[in-house]
Amino acid sequence: MRSSVLMRFQLQFLRTIYNAEVVVVLLGGCSVEAVMSDDLILVRMDDGEELFENLEKVSEEYGLSSGIIVCALGMLRNVELGYFTYPREVGRYLLKQFSGPFEVVSFKGSLALRENKLVPHIHVVLANEEFKCLGGHLNKAEVNATLELFIHVPKKRFVRKLDQKTMLSILHFE
């Protein structure tokens, strides 16, 4: 646990550097820190926190209707990855769980509305301690140690609509 003095210093440092207010969102005893500077939201999650739950809370706090997940740095564990089987099978993902821990090598995605609910679409490449990588569509993940996430807030709104050919929710712009 960090001391409250250190935490206050870190929050003041973020306020000074980014000239923005830091938001601490409480989630069942855990907290995620987020700060917005211009059109970029910087998020820090701690060990044991559930990634998608935190992402939803930060999105609600900032009233996001769209976002571009530029990147993330850190570690994950207890991940579920998906692989889309198109064209072999339409509308189906192969799912597989991995316990980890894993170093995040690449992490990108989007946040878009589907039926008035903000839905993350994230792809990752993760490395294990043997320096072997795996990747795919990220469905579930828990933070291991820490995760730093950077979200660009676009001026345009993104929505997802079902494509009958692929059975995917395809990105559209409003």
C-alpha atoms as a PDB file:
ATOM      1  CA  MET A   1       0.000   0.000   0.000  1.00  0.00           C
ATOM      2  CA  ARG A   2       1.213   3.476  -0.816  1.00  0.00           C
ATOM      3  CA  SER A   3       1.259   6.015   1.925  1.00  0.00           C
ATOM      4  CA  SER A   4      -1.261   8.833   1.674  1.00  0.00           C
ATOM      5  CA  VAL A   5       1.597  11.368   1.567  1.00  0.00           C
ATOM      6  CA  LEU A   6       3.106   9.705  -1.498  1.00  0.00           C
ATOM      7  CA  MET A   7      -0.299   9.435  -3.163  1.00  0.00           C
ATOM      8  CA  ARG A   8      -1.007  13.163  -2.557  1.00  0.00           C
ATOM      9  CA  PHE A   9       2.411  14.009  -4.049  1.00  0.00           C
ATOM     10  CA  GLN A  10       1.723  11.871  -7.146  1.00  0.00           C
ATOM     11  CA  LEU A  11      -1.691  13.474  -7.671  1.00  0.00           C
ATOM     12  CA  GLN A  12      -0.210  16.980  -7.345  1.00  0.00           C
ATOM     13  CA  PHE A  13       2.561  16.034  -9.795  1.00  0.00           C
ATOM     14  CA  LEU A  14      -0.031  14.854 -12.361  1.00  0.00           C
ATOM     15  CA  ARG A  15      -2.078  18.026 -11.879  1.00  0.00           C
ATOM     16  CA  THR A  16       1.026  20.155 -12.448  1.00  0.00           C
ATOM     17  CA  ILE A  17       2.373  18.239 -15.460  1.00  0.00           C
ATOM     18  CA  TYR A  18      -0.931  17.791 -17.277  1.00  0.00           C
ATOM     19  CA  ASN A  19      -2.678  20.910 -15.956  1.00  0.00           C
ATOM     20  CA  ALA A  20      -5.714  18.753 -15.310  1.00  0.00           C
ATOM     21  CA  GLU A  21      -7.754  17.322 -12.490  1.00  0.00           C
ATOM     22  CA  VAL A  22      -6.962  13.762 -11.472  1.00  0.00           C
ATOM     23  CA  VAL A  23      -9.978  11.545 -10.961  1.00  0.00           C
ATOM     24  CA  VAL A  24      -9.751   8.641  -8.543  1.00  0.00           C
ATOM     25  CA  VAL A  25     -12.562   6.182  -9.227  1.00  0.00           C
ATOM     26  CA  LEU A  26     -13.287   3.762  -6.380  1.00  0.00           C
ATOM     27  CA  LEU A  27     -14.177   0.188  -7.341  1.00  0.00           C
ATOM     28  CA  GLY A  28     -14.906  -2.137  -4.450  1.00  0.00           C
ATOM     29  CA  GLY A  29     -11.870  -1.208  -2.398  1.00  0.00           C
ATOM     30  CA  CYS A  30      -9.610  -0.688  -5.435  1.00  0.00           C
ATOM     31  CA  SER A  31      -8.993   2.593  -7.160  1.00  0.00           C
ATOM     32  CA  VAL A  32      -7.958   3.630 -10.628  1.00  0.00           C
ATOM     33  CA  GLU A  33      -6.400   7.020 -11.286  1.00  0.00           C
ATOM     34  CA  ALA A  34      -7.242   8.944 -14.435  1.00  0.00           C
ATOM     35  CA  VAL A  35      -6.371  12.397 -15.702  1.00  0.00           C
ATOM     36  CA  MET A  36      -7.549  14.179 -18.846  1.00  0.00           C
ATOM     37  CA  SER A  37      -5.324  16.606 -20.706  1.00  0.00           C
ATOM     38  CA  ASP A  38      -6.825  18.179 -23.824  1.00  0.00           C
ATOM     39  CA  ASP A  39      -8.085  15.163 -25.816  1.00  0.00           C
ATOM     40  CA  LEU A  40      -6.074  12.460 -24.024  1.00  0.00           C
ATOM     41  CA  ILE A  41      -7.079  10.463 -20.935  1.00  0.00           C
ATOM     42  CA  LEU A  42      -4.217   8.863 -19.034  1.00  0.00           C
ATOM     43  CA  VAL A  43      -5.234   5.965 -16.777  1.00  0.00           C
ATOM     44  CA  ARG A  44      -3.251   4.010 -14.208  1.00  0.00           C
ATOM     45  CA  MET A  45      -4.552   0.721 -12.840  1.00  0.00           C
ATOM     46  CA  ASP A  46      -3.048  -1.271 -10.001  1.00  0.00           C
ATOM     47  CA  ASP A  47      -2.334  -4.912  -9.295  1.00  0.00           C
ATOM     48  CA  GLY A  48      -5.403  -7.140  -9.103  1.00  0.00           C
ATOM     49  CA  GLU A  49      -7.807  -4.699 -10.746  1.00  0.00           C
ATOM     50  CA  GLU A  50     -10.136  -5.908 -13.511  1.00  0.00           C
ATOM     51  CA  LEU A  51      -9.270  -4.085 -16.726  1.00  0.00           C
ATOM     52  CA  PHE A  52     -12.696  -3.920 -18.403  1.00  0.00           C
ATOM     53  CA  GLU A  53     -14.500  -2.949 -15.197  1.00  0.00           C
ATOM     54  CA  ASN A  54     -12.058  -0.070 -14.675  1.00  0.00           C
ATOM     55  CA  LEU A  55     -12.274   0.982 -18.317  1.00  0.00           C
ATOM     56  CA  GLU A  56     -16.062   1.179 -18.017  1.00  0.00           C
ATOM     57  CA  LYS A  57     -15.855   3.312 -14.848  1.00  0.00           C
ATOM     58  CA  VAL A  58     -13.342   5.737 -16.401  1.00  0.00           C
ATOM     59  CA  SER A  59     -15.502   5.987 -19.557  1.00  0.00           C
ATOM     60  CA  GLU A  60     -18.541   6.810 -17.425  1.00  0.00           C
ATOM     61  CA  GLU A  61     -16.622   9.355 -15.342  1.00  0.00           C
ATOM     62  CA  TYR A  62     -15.522  11.264 -18.463  1.00  0.00           C
ATOM     63  CA  GLY A  63     -18.788  10.750 -20.364  1.00  0.00           C
ATOM     64  CA  LEU A  64     -17.099   9.063 -23.308  1.00  0.00           C
ATOM     65  CA  SER A  65     -19.162   8.162 -26.348  1.00  0.00           C
ATOM     66  CA  SER A  66     -16.081   7.171 -28.396  1.00  0.00           C
ATOM     67  CA  GLY A  67     -12.386   6.645 -27.910  1.00  0.00           C
ATOM     68  CA  ILE A  68      -9.198   5.440 -29.496  1.00  0.00           C
ATOM     69  CA  ILE A  69      -7.054   3.303 -27.222  1.00  0.00           C
ATOM     70  CA  VAL A  70      -3.654   4.498 -28.368  1.00  0.00           C
ATOM     71  CA  CYS A  71      -1.601   2.092 -26.267  1.00  0.00           C
ATOM     72  CA  ALA A  72      -1.077   0.549 -22.870  1.00  0.00           C
ATOM     73  CA  LEU A  73       2.074  -0.379 -20.959  1.00  0.00           C
ATOM     74  CA  GLY A  74       2.357  -2.792 -18.072  1.00  0.00           C
ATOM     75  CA  MET A  75       1.395  -6.345 -17.228  1.00  0.00           C
ATOM     76  CA  LEU A  76      -1.717  -8.546 -17.315  1.00  0.00           C
ATOM     77  CA  ARG A  77      -2.766 -11.938 -15.979  1.00  0.00           C
ATOM     78  CA  ASN A  78      -5.846 -14.168 -16.192  1.00  0.00           C
ATOM     79  CA  VAL A  79      -6.529 -13.085 -19.755  1.00  0.00           C
ATOM     80  CA  GLU A  80      -9.025 -14.403 -22.258  1.00  0.00           C
ATOM     81  CA  LEU A  81      -8.130 -13.973 -25.917  1.00  0.00           C
ATOM     82  CA  GLY A  82     -10.306 -14.469 -28.960  1.00  0.00           C
ATOM     83  CA  TYR A  83      -9.519 -15.316 -32.564  1.00  0.00           C
ATOM     84  CA  PHE A  84     -12.165 -14.533 -35.203  1.00  0.00           C
ATOM     85  CA  THR A  85     -12.645 -17.566 -37.465  1.00  0.00           C
ATOM     86  CA  TYR A  86     -13.941 -15.709 -40.569  1.00  0.00           C
ATOM     87  CA  PRO A  87     -14.269 -16.803 -43.388  1.00  0.00           C
ATOM     88  CA  ARG A  88     -14.148 -20.416 -42.185  1.00  0.00           C
ATOM     89  CA  GLU A  89     -16.984 -19.781 -39.734  1.00  0.00           C
ATOM     90  CA  VAL A  90     -19.059 -16.616 -39.824  1.00  0.00           C
ATOM     91  CA  GLY A  91     -19.584 -14.704 -36.572  1.00  0.00           C
ATOM     92  CA  ARG A  92     -17.564 -17.052 -34.321  1.00  0.00           C
ATOM     93  CA  TYR A  93     -14.581 -16.483 -32.053  1.00  0.00           C
ATOM     94  CA  LEU A  94     -12.292 -19.191 -30.721  1.00  0.00           C
ATOM     95  CA  LEU A  95     -11.697 -18.338 -27.051  1.00  0.00           C
ATOM     96  CA  LYS A  96      -8.775 -19.351 -24.873  1.00  0.00           C
ATOM     97  CA  GLN A  97      -7.723 -18.438 -21.317  1.00  0.00           C
ATOM     98  CA  PHE A  98      -4.134 -17.856 -20.196  1.00  0.00           C
ATOM     99  CA  SER A  99      -3.028 -17.350 -16.591  1.00  0.00           C
ATOM    100  CA  GLY A 100       0.227 -15.411 -17.114  1.00  0.00           C
ATOM    101  CA  PRO A 101       1.629 -13.080 -15.917  1.00  0.00           C
ATOM    102  CA  PHE A 102       2.363 -11.381 -19.239  1.00  0.00           C
ATOM    103  CA  GLU A 103       4.191  -8.236 -20.279  1.00  0.00           C
ATOM    104  CA  VAL A 104       2.101  -6.050 -22.595  1.00  0.00           C
ATOM    105  CA  VAL A 105       3.974  -5.748 -25.904  1.00  0.00           C
ATOM    106  CA  SER A 106       1.185  -4.134 -27.927  1.00  0.00           C
ATOM    107  CA  PHE A 107      -2.278  -2.907 -26.865  1.00  0.00           C
ATOM    108  CA  LYS A 108      -4.593  -0.970 -29.213  1.00  0.00           C
ATOM    109  CA  GLY A 109      -8.261  -0.537 -29.739  1.00  0.00           C
ATOM    110  CA  SER A 110     -11.382   1.545 -29.945  1.00  0.00           C
ATOM    111  CA  LEU A 111     -14.370   2.471 -27.819  1.00  0.00           C
ATOM    112  CA  ALA A 112     -17.627   2.804 -29.733  1.00  0.00           C
ATOM    113  CA  LEU A 113     -21.348   2.792 -29.038  1.00  0.00           C
ATOM    114  CA  ARG A 114     -23.327  -0.342 -29.860  1.00  0.00           C
ATOM    115  CA  GLU A 115     -27.020  -0.063 -29.032  1.00  0.00           C
ATOM    116  CA  ASN A 116     -26.244   2.931 -26.753  1.00  0.00           C
ATOM    117  CA  LYS A 117     -23.624   1.014 -24.729  1.00  0.00           C
ATOM    118  CA  LEU A 118     -19.925   1.866 -24.964  1.00  0.00           C
ATOM    119  CA  VAL A 119     -18.101  -1.262 -26.143  1.00  0.00           C
ATOM    120  CA  PRO A 120     -14.304  -1.703 -26.088  1.00  0.00           C
ATOM    121  CA  HIS A 121     -12.609  -3.494 -28.990  1.00  0.00           C
ATOM    122  CA  ILE A 122      -9.024  -4.264 -27.971  1.00  0.00           C
ATOM    123  CA  HIS A 123      -6.253  -6.291 -29.597  1.00  0.00           C
ATOM    124  CA  VAL A 124      -3.107  -7.247 -27.689  1.00  0.00           C
ATOM    125  CA  VAL A 125       0.228  -8.945 -28.035  1.00  0.00           C
ATOM    126  CA  LEU A 126       1.510 -10.357 -24.730  1.00  0.00           C
ATOM    127  CA  ALA A 127       4.898 -11.872 -23.857  1.00  0.00           C
ATOM    128  CA  ASN A 128       5.610 -14.494 -21.202  1.00  0.00           C
ATOM    129  CA  GLU A 129       8.787 -14.943 -19.145  1.00  0.00           C
ATOM    130  CA  GLU A 130      10.238 -17.139 -21.904  1.00  0.00           C
ATOM    131  CA  PHE A 131       9.875 -14.176 -24.303  1.00  0.00           C
ATOM    132  CA  LYS A 132       7.215 -16.006 -26.331  1.00  0.00           C
ATOM    133  CA  CYS A 133       4.305 -13.934 -27.597  1.00  0.00           C
ATOM    134  CA  LEU A 134       0.614 -14.569 -28.070  1.00  0.00           C
ATOM    135  CA  GLY A 135      -2.067 -12.221 -29.201  1.00  0.00           C
ATOM    136  CA  GLY A 136      -5.630 -11.674 -30.254  1.00  0.00           C
ATOM    137  CA  HIS A 137      -8.880  -9.977 -29.318  1.00  0.00           C
ATOM    138  CA  LEU A 138      -8.809  -9.190 -25.564  1.00  0.00           C
ATOM    139  CA  ASN A 139     -12.008 -10.282 -23.798  1.00  0.00           C
ATOM    140  CA  LYS A 140     -10.949 -10.385 -20.136  1.00  0.00           C
ATOM    141  CA  ALA A 141      -7.882  -9.365 -18.169  1.00  0.00           C
ATOM    142  CA  GLU A 142      -6.656  -8.595 -14.687  1.00  0.00           C
ATOM    143  CA  VAL A 143      -3.853  -6.121 -14.047  1.00  0.00           C
ATOM    144  CA  ASN A 144      -0.590  -7.637 -12.847  1.00  0.00           C
ATOM    145  CA  ALA A 145       1.573  -5.056 -10.995  1.00  0.00           C
ATOM    146  CA  THR A 146       0.393  -2.000 -12.982  1.00  0.00           C
ATOM    147  CA  LEU A 147      -1.088  -0.890 -16.295  1.00  0.00           C
ATOM    148  CA  GLU A 148      -0.834   2.551 -17.890  1.00  0.00           C
ATOM    149  CA  LEU A 149      -3.507   3.192 -20.522  1.00  0.00           C
ATOM    150  CA  PHE A 150      -3.788   6.113 -22.960  1.00  0.00           C
ATOM    151  CA  ILE A 151      -7.139   6.985 -24.584  1.00  0.00           C
ATOM    152  CA  HIS A 152      -7.554   9.643 -27.279  1.00  0.00           C
ATOM    153  CA  VAL A 153     -10.993  11.285 -27.252  1.00  0.00           C
ATOM    154  CA  PRO A 154     -11.965  12.020 -30.869  1.00  0.00           C
ATOM    155  CA  LYS A 155     -14.219  14.824 -32.061  1.00  0.00           C
ATOM    156  CA  LYS A 156     -16.284  12.350 -34.119  1.00  0.00           C
ATOM    157  CA  ARG A 157     -18.541   9.733 -32.577  1.00  0.00           C
ATOM    158  CA  PHE A 158     -18.038   6.044 -33.378  1.00  0.00           C
ATOM    159  CA  VAL A 159     -20.851   3.499 -33.508  1.00  0.00           C
ATOM    160  CA  ARG A 160     -20.865  -0.225 -34.214  1.00  0.00           C
ATOM    161  CA  LYS A 161     -23.495  -1.791 -36.458  1.00  0.00           C
ATOM    162  CA  LEU A 162     -23.960  -5.448 -37.291  1.00  0.00           C
ATOM    163  CA  ASP A 163     -22.618  -6.493 -40.692  1.00  0.00           C
ATOM    164  CA  GLN A 164     -24.730  -9.358 -42.078  1.00  0.00           C
ATOM    165  CA  LYS A 165     -21.886 -10.833 -44.152  1.00  0.00           C
ATOM    166  CA  THR A 166     -19.326 -11.234 -41.372  1.00  0.00           C
ATOM    167  CA  MET A 167     -21.690 -11.024 -38.371  1.00  0.00           C
ATOM    168  CA  LEU A 168     -19.287  -8.516 -36.833  1.00  0.00           C
ATOM    169  CA  SER A 169     -20.221  -5.188 -35.280  1.00  0.00           C
ATOM    170  CA  ILE A 170     -18.470  -2.951 -37.815  1.00  0.00           C
ATOM    171  CA  LEU A 171     -17.227   0.540 -36.936  1.00  0.00           C
ATOM    172  CA  HIS A 172     -19.071   3.527 -38.459  1.00  0.00           C
ATOM    173  CA  PHE A 173     -18.506   7.248 -37.960  1.00  0.00           C
ATOM    174  CA  GLU A 174     -21.098   9.909 -37.141  1.00  0.00           C
END
